[in-house]
Amino acid sequence: MITALALLLAAPAAPVALPAANEPEVDIVVVARRLDRIAFNVAQDREGSWHCSMNGSSGNPKLDSRMCKEVTDCVRKKGAADAQVKACVTGTKEKVLARFRKEMARRK
């Protein structure tokens, strides 16, 4: 049986004041805005394997891969309960972005 679920990661967020262009925080704001526009499609094939695809990119392949894995985990854990999946994805996005922010800070 094939199950598919397309998810928009978040509803439009409240306006955010942007930091000065030379601050590392600008990068994370840009990436977060890109993620807000991405839809993920998670499906299970007939053999039971899970697959994830995206209709765009955050601009960071490692982050995209991590998000696909986490979104797939949300769908696997929450099943067809749309509200629960959306809550899981929203929380996951925040955690993944927090980790990404720390990684970026270490590099600068």
PDB file of N, CA and C in Angstrom:
ATOM      1  N   MET A   1       0.848  -1.181   0.000  1.00  0.00           N
ATOM      2  CA  MET A   1       0.000   0.000   0.000  1.00  0.00           C
ATOM      3  C   MET A   1       0.890   1.240   0.000  1.00  0.00           C
ATOM      4  N   ILE A   2       0.500   2.199  -0.772  1.00  0.00           N
ATOM      5  CA  ILE A   2       1.278   3.438  -0.852  1.00  0.00           C
ATOM      6  C   ILE A   2       0.562   4.514  -0.055  1.00  0.00           C
ATOM      7  N   THR A   3       1.295   5.139   0.826  1.00  0.00           N
ATOM      8  CA  THR A   3       0.762   6.229   1.621  1.00  0.00           C
ATOM      9  C   THR A   3       1.588   7.463   1.314  1.00  0.00           C
ATOM     10  N   ALA A   4       0.930   8.563   1.022  1.00  0.00           N
ATOM     11  CA  ALA A   4       1.668   9.793   0.728  1.00  0.00           C
ATOM     12  C   ALA A   4       1.103  10.920   1.562  1.00  0.00           C
ATOM     13  N   LEU A   5       1.969  11.805   1.977  1.00  0.00           N
ATOM     14  CA  LEU A   5       1.551  12.943   2.776  1.00  0.00           C
ATOM     15  C   LEU A   5       2.440  14.117   2.426  1.00  0.00           C
ATOM     16  N   ALA A   6       1.845  15.190   1.955  1.00  0.00           N
ATOM     17  CA  ALA A   6       2.609  16.404   1.652  1.00  0.00           C
ATOM     18  C   ALA A   6       2.439  17.358   2.813  1.00  0.00           C
ATOM     19  N   LEU A   7       3.528  17.940   3.246  1.00  0.00           N
ATOM     20  CA  LEU A   7       3.496  18.809   4.420  1.00  0.00           C
ATOM     21  C   LEU A   7       4.159  20.140   4.122  1.00  0.00           C
ATOM     22  N   LEU A   8       3.492  21.205   4.456  1.00  0.00           N
ATOM     23  CA  LEU A   8       4.161  22.501   4.504  1.00  0.00           C
ATOM     24  C   LEU A   8       4.653  22.631   5.931  1.00  0.00           C
ATOM     25  N   LEU A   9       5.890  23.016   6.088  1.00  0.00           N
ATOM     26  CA  LEU A   9       6.492  22.968   7.410  1.00  0.00           C
ATOM     27  C   LEU A   9       5.878  23.896   8.434  1.00  0.00           C
ATOM     28  N   ALA A  10       5.466  25.056   8.042  1.00  0.00           N
ATOM     29  CA  ALA A  10       4.920  25.962   9.042  1.00  0.00           C
ATOM     30  C   ALA A  10       3.994  26.956   8.387  1.00  0.00           C
ATOM     31  N   ALA A  11       3.068  27.422   9.175  1.00  0.00           N
ATOM     32  CA  ALA A  11       2.210  28.512   8.711  1.00  0.00           C
ATOM     33  C   ALA A  11       3.070  29.763   8.654  1.00  0.00           C
ATOM     34  N   PRO A  12       2.634  30.773   7.930  1.00  0.00           N
ATOM     35  CA  PRO A  12       3.425  31.998   7.881  1.00  0.00           C
ATOM     36  C   PRO A  12       3.744  32.498   9.290  1.00  0.00           C
ATOM     37  N   ALA A  13       4.993  32.746   9.519  1.00  0.00           N
ATOM     38  CA  ALA A  13       5.434  33.187  10.839  1.00  0.00           C
ATOM     39  C   ALA A  13       5.227  34.685  10.986  1.00  0.00           C
ATOM     40  N   ALA A  14       5.244  35.109  12.235  1.00  0.00           N
ATOM     41  CA  ALA A  14       5.153  36.539  12.511  1.00  0.00           C
ATOM     42  C   ALA A  14       6.396  37.215  11.937  1.00  0.00           C
ATOM     43  N   PRO A  15       6.302  38.469  11.534  1.00  0.00           N
ATOM     44  CA  PRO A  15       7.470  39.163  10.985  1.00  0.00           C
ATOM     45  C   PRO A  15       8.642  39.127  11.955  1.00  0.00           C
ATOM     46  N   VAL A  16       9.816  38.925  11.404  1.00  0.00           N
ATOM     47  CA  VAL A  16      11.029  38.839  12.209  1.00  0.00           C
ATOM     48  C   VAL A  16      11.946  39.979  11.804  1.00  0.00           C
ATOM     49  N   ALA A  17      12.467  40.691  12.800  1.00  0.00           N
ATOM     50  CA  ALA A  17      13.438  41.747  12.514  1.00  0.00           C
ATOM     51  C   ALA A  17      14.745  41.087  12.103  1.00  0.00           C
ATOM     52  N   LEU A  18      15.276  41.479  10.967  1.00  0.00           N
ATOM     53  CA  LEU A  18      16.513  40.888  10.478  1.00  0.00           C
ATOM     54  C   LEU A  18      17.719  41.525  11.155  1.00  0.00           C
ATOM     55  N   PRO A  19      18.716  40.699  11.523  1.00  0.00           N
ATOM     56  CA  PRO A  19      19.946  41.246  12.065  1.00  0.00           C
ATOM     57  C   PRO A  19      20.734  41.947  10.961  1.00  0.00           C
ATOM     58  N   ALA A  20      21.766  42.666  11.342  1.00  0.00           N
ATOM     59  CA  ALA A  20      22.621  43.323  10.355  1.00  0.00           C
ATOM     60  C   ALA A  20      23.195  42.275   9.410  1.00  0.00           C
ATOM     61  N   ALA A  21      23.447  42.662   8.171  1.00  0.00           N
ATOM     62  CA  ALA A  21      23.852  41.717   7.132  1.00  0.00           C
ATOM     63  C   ALA A  21      25.142  40.964   7.450  1.00  0.00           C
ATOM     64  N   ASN A  22      26.008  41.511   8.274  1.00  0.00           N
ATOM     65  CA  ASN A  22      27.270  40.835   8.562  1.00  0.00           C
ATOM     66  C   ASN A  22      27.169  39.867   9.740  1.00  0.00           C
ATOM     67  N   GLU A  23      26.008  39.718  10.319  1.00  0.00           N
ATOM     68  CA  GLU A  23      25.828  38.820  11.449  1.00  0.00           C
ATOM     69  C   GLU A  23      25.484  37.416  10.965  1.00  0.00           C
ATOM     70  N   PRO A  24      26.006  36.361  11.653  1.00  0.00           N
ATOM     71  CA  PRO A  24      25.720  34.984  11.255  1.00  0.00           C
ATOM     72  C   PRO A  24      24.233  34.651  11.297  1.00  0.00           C
ATOM     73  N   GLU A  25      23.489  35.367  12.105  1.00  0.00           N
ATOM     74  CA  GLU A  25      22.061  35.097  12.267  1.00  0.00           C
ATOM     75  C   GLU A  25      21.294  35.326  10.965  1.00  0.00           C
ATOM     76  N   VAL A  26      21.822  36.146  10.071  1.00  0.00           N
ATOM     77  CA  VAL A  26      21.159  36.392   8.788  1.00  0.00           C
ATOM     78  C   VAL A  26      21.019  35.085   8.022  1.00  0.00           C
ATOM     79  N   ASP A  27      22.082  34.285   7.992  1.00  0.00           N
ATOM     80  CA  ASP A  27      22.052  33.021   7.268  1.00  0.00           C
ATOM     81  C   ASP A  27      20.940  32.115   7.773  1.00  0.00           C
ATOM     82  N   ILE A  28      20.788  31.997   9.072  1.00  0.00           N
ATOM     83  CA  ILE A  28      19.782  31.099   9.632  1.00  0.00           C
ATOM     84  C   ILE A  28      18.381  31.618   9.337  1.00  0.00           C
ATOM     85  N   VAL A  29      18.196  32.924   9.326  1.00  0.00           N
ATOM     86  CA  VAL A  29      16.888  33.499   8.993  1.00  0.00           C
ATOM     87  C   VAL A  29      16.535  33.178   7.546  1.00  0.00           C
ATOM     88  N   VAL A  30      17.494  33.310   6.656  1.00  0.00           N
ATOM     89  CA  VAL A  30      17.261  33.004   5.239  1.00  0.00           C
ATOM     90  C   VAL A  30      16.921  31.530   5.069  1.00  0.00           C
ATOM     91  N   VAL A  31      17.681  30.655   5.716  1.00  0.00           N
ATOM     92  CA  VAL A  31      17.433  29.214   5.622  1.00  0.00           C
ATOM     93  C   VAL A  31      16.058  28.875   6.188  1.00  0.00           C
ATOM     94  N   ALA A  32      15.702  29.460   7.323  1.00  0.00           N
ATOM     95  CA  ALA A  32      14.393  29.189   7.930  1.00  0.00           C
ATOM     96  C   ALA A  32      13.260  29.621   7.006  1.00  0.00           C
ATOM     97  N   ARG A  33      13.419  30.758   6.361  1.00  0.00           N
ATOM     98  CA  ARG A  33      12.379  31.219   5.425  1.00  0.00           C
ATOM     99  C   ARG A  33      12.262  30.283   4.230  1.00  0.00           C
ATOM    100  N   ARG A  34      13.393  29.786   3.748  1.00  0.00           N
ATOM    101  CA  ARG A  34      13.344  28.820   2.643  1.00  0.00           C
ATOM    102  C   ARG A  34      12.612  27.555   3.078  1.00  0.00           C
ATOM    103  N   LEU A  35      12.912  27.071   4.290  1.00  0.00           N
ATOM    104  CA  LEU A  35      12.251  25.859   4.784  1.00  0.00           C
ATOM    105  C   LEU A  35      10.745  26.048   4.906  1.00  0.00           C
ATOM    106  N   ASP A  36      10.323  27.258   5.246  1.00  0.00           N
ATOM    107  CA  ASP A  36       8.885  27.529   5.365  1.00  0.00           C
ATOM    108  C   ASP A  36       8.151  27.331   4.042  1.00  0.00           C
ATOM    109  N   ARG A  37       8.858  27.470   2.930  1.00  0.00           N
ATOM    110  CA  ARG A  37       8.223  27.360   1.614  1.00  0.00           C
ATOM    111  C   ARG A  37       8.320  25.954   1.020  1.00  0.00           C
ATOM    112  N   ILE A  38       9.003  25.057   1.699  1.00  0.00           N
ATOM    113  CA  ILE A  38       9.223  23.714   1.162  1.00  0.00           C
ATOM    114  C   ILE A  38       8.125  22.764   1.629  1.00  0.00           C
ATOM    115  N   ALA A  39       7.634  21.973   0.692  1.00  0.00           N
ATOM    116  CA  ALA A  39       6.705  20.888   1.021  1.00  0.00           C
ATOM    117  C   ALA A  39       7.471  19.574   0.925  1.00  0.00           C
ATOM    118  N   PHE A  40       7.200  18.686   1.855  1.00  0.00           N
ATOM    119  CA  PHE A  40       7.818  17.366   1.871  1.00  0.00           C
ATOM    120  C   PHE A  40       6.757  16.342   1.499  1.00  0.00           C
ATOM    121  N   ASN A  41       7.134  15.391   0.688  1.00  0.00           N
ATOM    122  CA  ASN A  41       6.243  14.297   0.341  1.00  0.00           C
ATOM    123  C   ASN A  41       6.869  13.021   0.896  1.00  0.00           C
ATOM    124  N   VAL A  42       6.157  12.364   1.796  1.00  0.00           N
ATOM    125  CA  VAL A  42       6.641  11.135   2.409  1.00  0.00           C
ATOM    126  C   VAL A  42       5.715  10.010   1.977  1.00  0.00           C
ATOM    127  N   ALA A  43       6.304   8.937   1.460  1.00  0.00           N
ATOM    128  CA  ALA A  43       5.502   7.814   0.974  1.00  0.00           C
ATOM    129  C   ALA A  43       6.151   6.498   1.378  1.00  0.00           C
ATOM    130  N   GLN A  44       5.307   5.497   1.518  1.00  0.00           N
ATOM    131  CA  GLN A  44       5.781   4.146   1.797  1.00  0.00           C
ATOM    132  C   GLN A  44       5.451   3.285   0.583  1.00  0.00           C
ATOM    133  N   ASP A  45       6.463   2.593   0.056  1.00  0.00           N
ATOM    134  CA  ASP A  45       6.218   1.773  -1.129  1.00  0.00           C
ATOM    135  C   ASP A  45       5.648   0.403  -0.742  1.00  0.00           C
ATOM    136  N   ARG A  46       5.367  -0.402  -1.727  1.00  0.00           N
ATOM    137  CA  ARG A  46       4.736  -1.713  -1.497  1.00  0.00           C
ATOM    138  C   ARG A  46       5.605  -2.653  -0.680  1.00  0.00           C
ATOM    139  N   GLU A  47       6.906  -2.448  -0.730  1.00  0.00           N
ATOM    140  CA  GLU A  47       7.820  -3.293   0.047  1.00  0.00           C
ATOM    141  C   GLU A  47       7.970  -2.794   1.482  1.00  0.00           C
ATOM    142  N   GLY A  48       7.378  -1.652   1.787  1.00  0.00           N
ATOM    143  CA  GLY A  48       7.437  -1.103   3.133  1.00  0.00           C
ATOM    144  C   GLY A  48       8.536  -0.081   3.356  1.00  0.00           C
ATOM    145  N   SER A  49       9.312   0.221   2.321  1.00  0.00           N
ATOM    146  CA  SER A  49      10.372   1.230   2.453  1.00  0.00           C
ATOM    147  C   SER A  49       9.776   2.630   2.385  1.00  0.00           C
ATOM    148  N   TRP A  50      10.339   3.531   3.178  1.00  0.00           N
ATOM    149  CA  TRP A  50       9.872   4.912   3.219  1.00  0.00           C
ATOM    150  C   TRP A  50      10.740   5.776   2.318  1.00  0.00           C
ATOM    151  N   HIS A  51      10.115   6.762   1.675  1.00  0.00           N
ATOM    152  CA  HIS A  51      10.816   7.673   0.774  1.00  0.00           C
ATOM    153  C   HIS A  51      10.350   9.099   1.049  1.00  0.00           C
ATOM    154  N   CYS A  52      11.260  10.039   0.910  1.00  0.00           N
ATOM    155  CA  CYS A  52      10.942  11.450   1.123  1.00  0.00           C
ATOM    156  C   CYS A  52      11.462  12.252  -0.060  1.00  0.00           C
ATOM    157  N   SER A  53      10.645  13.186  -0.517  1.00  0.00           N
ATOM    158  CA  SER A  53      11.088  14.118  -1.549  1.00  0.00           C
ATOM    159  C   SER A  53      10.659  15.521  -1.135  1.00  0.00           C
ATOM    160  N   MET A  54      11.322  16.505  -1.727  1.00  0.00           N
ATOM    161  CA  MET A  54      11.062  17.903  -1.398  1.00  0.00           C
ATOM    162  C   MET A  54      10.792  18.667  -2.686  1.00  0.00           C
ATOM    163  N   ASN A  55       9.963  19.713  -2.594  1.00  0.00           N
ATOM    164  CA  ASN A  55       9.689  20.525  -3.787  1.00  0.00           C
ATOM    165  C   ASN A  55      10.618  21.731  -3.888  1.00  0.00           C
ATOM    166  N   GLY A  56      11.661  21.749  -3.085  1.00  0.00           N
ATOM    167  CA  GLY A  56      12.623  22.844  -3.085  1.00  0.00           C
ATOM    168  C   GLY A  56      13.804  22.478  -2.206  1.00  0.00           C
ATOM    169  N   SER A  57      14.640  23.464  -1.909  1.00  0.00           N
ATOM    170  CA  SER A  57      15.819  23.233  -1.085  1.00  0.00           C
ATOM    171  C   SER A  57      16.039  24.413  -0.146  1.00  0.00           C
ATOM    172  N   SER A  58      16.611  24.110   1.000  1.00  0.00           N
ATOM    173  CA  SER A  58      16.991  25.159   1.947  1.00  0.00           C
ATOM    174  C   SER A  58      18.271  25.851   1.489  1.00  0.00           C
ATOM    175  N   GLY A  59      18.952  25.248   0.532  1.00  0.00           N
ATOM    176  CA  GLY A  59      20.246  25.754   0.098  1.00  0.00           C
ATOM    177  C   GLY A  59      21.398  25.012   0.748  1.00  0.00           C
ATOM    178  N   ASN A  60      21.077  24.098   1.676  1.00  0.00           N
ATOM    179  CA  ASN A  60      22.089  23.309   2.364  1.00  0.00           C
ATOM    180  C   ASN A  60      21.700  21.833   2.253  1.00  0.00           C
ATOM    181  N   PRO A  61      22.400  21.057   1.412  1.00  0.00           N
ATOM    182  CA  PRO A  61      22.026  19.654   1.196  1.00  0.00           C
ATOM    183  C   PRO A  61      21.994  18.811   2.472  1.00  0.00           C
ATOM    184  N   LYS A  62      22.928  19.061   3.385  1.00  0.00           N
ATOM    185  CA  LYS A  62      22.953  18.303   4.641  1.00  0.00           C
ATOM    186  C   LYS A  62      21.693  18.596   5.466  1.00  0.00           C
ATOM    187  N   LEU A  63      21.299  19.850   5.524  1.00  0.00           N
ATOM    188  CA  LEU A  63      20.090  20.230   6.250  1.00  0.00           C
ATOM    189  C   LEU A  63      18.853  19.635   5.575  1.00  0.00           C
ATOM    190  N   ASP A  64      18.805  19.668   4.250  1.00  0.00           N
ATOM    191  CA  ASP A  64      17.675  19.079   3.522  1.00  0.00           C
ATOM    192  C   ASP A  64      17.540  17.594   3.844  1.00  0.00           C
ATOM    193  N   SER A  65      18.657  16.886   3.832  1.00  0.00           N
ATOM    194  CA  SER A  65      18.650  15.455   4.130  1.00  0.00           C
ATOM    195  C   SER A  65      18.176  15.191   5.556  1.00  0.00           C
ATOM    196  N   ARG A  66      18.662  15.995   6.489  1.00  0.00           N
ATOM    197  CA  ARG A  66      18.269  15.846   7.890  1.00  0.00           C
ATOM    198  C   ARG A  66      16.772  16.104   8.065  1.00  0.00           C
ATOM    199  N   MET A  67      16.267  17.151   7.402  1.00  0.00           N
ATOM    200  CA  MET A  67      14.834  17.455   7.501  1.00  0.00           C
ATOM    201  C   MET A  67      13.994  16.320   6.916  1.00  0.00           C
ATOM    202  N   CYS A  68      14.401  15.775   5.770  1.00  0.00           N
ATOM    203  CA  CYS A  68      13.647  14.676   5.159  1.00  0.00           C
ATOM    204  C   CYS A  68      13.598  13.481   6.115  1.00  0.00           C
ATOM    205  N   LYS A  69      14.719  13.161   6.734  1.00  0.00           N
ATOM    206  CA  LYS A  69      14.758  12.046   7.679  1.00  0.00           C
ATOM    207  C   LYS A  69      13.820  12.304   8.853  1.00  0.00           C
ATOM    208  N   GLU A  70      13.881  13.503   9.407  1.00  0.00           N
ATOM    209  CA  GLU A  70      13.056  13.833  10.570  1.00  0.00           C
ATOM    210  C   GLU A  70      11.570  13.877  10.221  1.00  0.00           C
ATOM    211  N   VAL A  71      11.229  14.442   9.060  1.00  0.00           N
ATOM    212  CA  VAL A  71       9.825  14.500   8.635  1.00  0.00           C
ATOM    213  C   VAL A  71       9.300  13.087   8.413  1.00  0.00           C
ATOM    214  N   THR A  72      10.121  12.230   7.813  1.00  0.00           N
ATOM    215  CA  THR A  72       9.723  10.833   7.618  1.00  0.00           C
ATOM    216  C   THR A  72       9.469  10.166   8.959  1.00  0.00           C
ATOM    217  N   ASP A  73      10.328  10.415   9.943  1.00  0.00           N
ATOM    218  CA  ASP A  73      10.120   9.857  11.281  1.00  0.00           C
ATOM    219  C   ASP A  73       8.802  10.332  11.879  1.00  0.00           C
ATOM    220  N   CYS A  74       8.460  11.604  11.677  1.00  0.00           N
ATOM    221  CA  CYS A  74       7.177  12.120  12.179  1.00  0.00           C
ATOM    222  C   CYS A  74       6.008  11.365  11.557  1.00  0.00           C
ATOM    223  N   VAL A  75       6.059  11.163  10.247  1.00  0.00           N
ATOM    224  CA  VAL A  75       4.969  10.462   9.556  1.00  0.00           C
ATOM    225  C   VAL A  75       4.889   9.022  10.038  1.00  0.00           C
ATOM    226  N   ARG A  76       6.026   8.376  10.205  1.00  0.00           N
ATOM    227  CA  ARG A  76       6.038   6.981  10.660  1.00  0.00           C
ATOM    228  C   ARG A  76       5.470   6.862  12.073  1.00  0.00           C
ATOM    229  N   LYS A  77       5.818   7.792  12.947  1.00  0.00           N
ATOM    230  CA  LYS A  77       5.381   7.726  14.343  1.00  0.00           C
ATOM    231  C   LYS A  77       3.928   8.141  14.529  1.00  0.00           C
ATOM    232  N   LYS A  78       3.472   9.133  13.767  1.00  0.00           N
ATOM    233  CA  LYS A  78       2.139   9.708  13.987  1.00  0.00           C
ATOM    234  C   LYS A  78       1.082   9.165  13.035  1.00  0.00           C
ATOM    235  N   GLY A  79       1.482   8.443  12.001  1.00  0.00           N
ATOM    236  CA  GLY A  79       0.516   7.847  11.080  1.00  0.00           C
ATOM    237  C   GLY A  79      -0.273   8.884  10.313  1.00  0.00           C
ATOM    238  N   ALA A  80      -1.560   8.640  10.194  1.00  0.00           N
ATOM    239  CA  ALA A  80      -2.417   9.490   9.367  1.00  0.00           C
ATOM    240  C   ALA A  80      -3.034  10.654  10.135  1.00  0.00           C
ATOM    241  N   ALA A  81      -2.661  10.843  11.378  1.00  0.00           N
ATOM    242  CA  ALA A  81      -3.220  11.927  12.185  1.00  0.00           C
ATOM    243  C   ALA A  81      -2.559  13.243  11.772  1.00  0.00           C
ATOM    244  N   ASP A  82      -3.195  13.951  10.837  1.00  0.00           N
ATOM    245  CA  ASP A  82      -2.603  15.161  10.256  1.00  0.00           C
ATOM    246  C   ASP A  82      -2.156  16.183  11.297  1.00  0.00           C
ATOM    247  N   ALA A  83      -3.002  16.450  12.287  1.00  0.00           N
ATOM    248  CA  ALA A  83      -2.662  17.460  13.292  1.00  0.00           C
ATOM    249  C   ALA A  83      -1.430  17.036  14.087  1.00  0.00           C
ATOM    250  N   GLN A  84      -1.347  15.756  14.421  1.00  0.00           N
ATOM    251  CA  GLN A  84      -0.189  15.263  15.175  1.00  0.00           C
ATOM    252  C   GLN A  84       1.077  15.292  14.327  1.00  0.00           C
ATOM    253  N   VAL A  85       0.949  14.935  13.059  1.00  0.00           N
ATOM    254  CA  VAL A  85       2.109  14.976  12.161  1.00  0.00           C
ATOM    255  C   VAL A  85       2.595  16.412  12.014  1.00  0.00           C
ATOM    256  N   LYS A  86       1.670  17.338  11.801  1.00  0.00           N
ATOM    257  CA  LYS A  86       2.053  18.742  11.630  1.00  0.00           C
ATOM    258  C   LYS A  86       2.739  19.278  12.886  1.00  0.00           C
ATOM    259  N   ALA A  87       2.218  18.936  14.067  1.00  0.00           N
ATOM    260  CA  ALA A  87       2.843  19.374  15.317  1.00  0.00           C
ATOM    261  C   ALA A  87       4.246  18.782  15.450  1.00  0.00           C
ATOM    262  N   CYS A  88       4.390  17.522  15.094  1.00  0.00           N
ATOM    263  CA  CYS A  88       5.699  16.866  15.141  1.00  0.00           C
ATOM    264  C   CYS A  88       6.674  17.547  14.187  1.00  0.00           C
ATOM    265  N   VAL A  89       6.229  17.829  12.969  1.00  0.00           N
ATOM    266  CA  VAL A  89       7.093  18.460  11.969  1.00  0.00           C
ATOM    267  C   VAL A  89       7.508  19.861  12.416  1.00  0.00           C
ATOM    268  N   THR A  90       6.579  20.614  12.965  1.00  0.00           N
ATOM    269  CA  THR A  90       6.891  21.968  13.432  1.00  0.00           C
ATOM    270  C   THR A  90       7.941  21.927  14.541  1.00  0.00           C
ATOM    271  N   GLY A  91       7.752  21.035  15.515  1.00  0.00           N
ATOM    272  CA  GLY A  91       8.731  20.891  16.593  1.00  0.00           C
ATOM    273  C   GLY A  91      10.079  20.418  16.086  1.00  0.00           C
ATOM    274  N   THR A  92      10.039  19.495  15.141  1.00  0.00           N
ATOM    275  CA  THR A  92      11.264  18.967  14.550  1.00  0.00           C
ATOM    276  C   THR A  92      12.023  20.057  13.819  1.00  0.00           C
ATOM    277  N   LYS A  93      11.303  20.868  13.066  1.00  0.00           N
ATOM    278  CA  LYS A  93      11.943  21.954  12.319  1.00  0.00           C
ATOM    279  C   LYS A  93      12.692  22.879  13.275  1.00  0.00           C
ATOM    280  N   GLU A  94      12.066  23.213  14.397  1.00  0.00           N
ATOM    281  CA  GLU A  94      12.708  24.096  15.370  1.00  0.00           C
ATOM    282  C   GLU A  94      13.989  23.473  15.919  1.00  0.00           C
ATOM    283  N   LYS A  95      13.948  22.172  16.227  1.00  0.00           N
ATOM    284  CA  LYS A  95      15.129  21.489  16.762  1.00  0.00           C
ATOM    285  C   LYS A  95      16.245  21.409  15.724  1.00  0.00           C
ATOM    286  N   VAL A  96      15.880  21.062  14.489  1.00  0.00           N
ATOM    287  CA  VAL A  96      16.884  20.952  13.426  1.00  0.00           C
ATOM    288  C   VAL A  96      17.519  22.314  13.156  1.00  0.00           C
ATOM    289  N   LEU A  97      16.716  23.371  13.131  1.00  0.00           N
ATOM    290  CA  LEU A  97      17.268  24.714  12.913  1.00  0.00           C
ATOM    291  C   LEU A  97      18.163  25.144  14.070  1.00  0.00           C
ATOM    292  N   ALA A  98      17.819  24.773  15.300  1.00  0.00           N
ATOM    293  CA  ALA A  98      18.666  25.107  16.448  1.00  0.00           C
ATOM    294  C   ALA A  98      20.029  24.419  16.320  1.00  0.00           C
ATOM    295  N   ARG A  99      20.026  23.138  15.915  1.00  0.00           N
ATOM    296  CA  ARG A  99      21.292  22.426  15.699  1.00  0.00           C
ATOM    297  C   ARG A  99      22.089  23.067  14.568  1.00  0.00           C
ATOM    298  N   PHE A 100      21.402  23.434  13.506  1.00  0.00           N
ATOM    299  CA  PHE A 100      22.051  24.066  12.359  1.00  0.00           C
ATOM    300  C   PHE A 100      22.676  25.401  12.772  1.00  0.00           C
ATOM    301  N   ARG A 101      21.959  26.170  13.587  1.00  0.00           N
ATOM    302  CA  ARG A 101      22.467  27.458  14.080  1.00  0.00           C
ATOM    303  C   ARG A 101      23.766  27.252  14.871  1.00  0.00           C
ATOM    304  N   LYS A 102      23.794  26.232  15.737  1.00  0.00           N
ATOM    305  CA  LYS A 102      24.996  25.950  16.525  1.00  0.00           C
ATOM    306  C   LYS A 102      26.159  25.546  15.626  1.00  0.00           C
ATOM    307  N   GLU A 103      25.870  24.716  14.621  1.00  0.00           N
ATOM    308  CA  GLU A 103      26.923  24.296  13.687  1.00  0.00           C
ATOM    309  C   GLU A 103      27.489  25.495  12.933  1.00  0.00           C
ATOM    310  N   MET A 104      26.622  26.398  12.510  1.00  0.00           N
ATOM    311  CA  MET A 104      27.074  27.590  11.789  1.00  0.00           C
ATOM    312  C   MET A 104      27.915  28.484  12.693  1.00  0.00           C
ATOM    313  N   ALA A 105      27.514  28.619  13.952  1.00  0.00           N
ATOM    314  CA  ALA A 105      28.254  29.466  14.891  1.00  0.00           C
ATOM    315  C   ALA A 105      29.659  28.909  15.128  1.00  0.00           C
ATOM    316  N   ARG A 106      29.779  27.583  15.181  1.00  0.00           N
ATOM    317  CA  ARG A 106      31.095  26.972  15.382  1.00  0.00           C
ATOM    318  C   ARG A 106      32.020  27.215  14.198  1.00  0.00           C
ATOM    319  N   ARG A 107      31.455  27.290  13.006  1.00  0.00           N
ATOM    320  CA  ARG A 107      32.262  27.480  11.798  1.00  0.00           C
ATOM    321  C   ARG A 107      32.742  28.912  11.639  1.00  0.00           C
ATOM    322  N   LYS A 108      32.077  29.864  12.265  1.00  0.00           N
ATOM    323  CA  LYS A 108      32.427  31.285  12.056  1.00  0.00           C
ATOM    324  C   LYS A 108      33.364  31.776  13.112  1.00  0.00           C
TER     325      LYS A 108
END
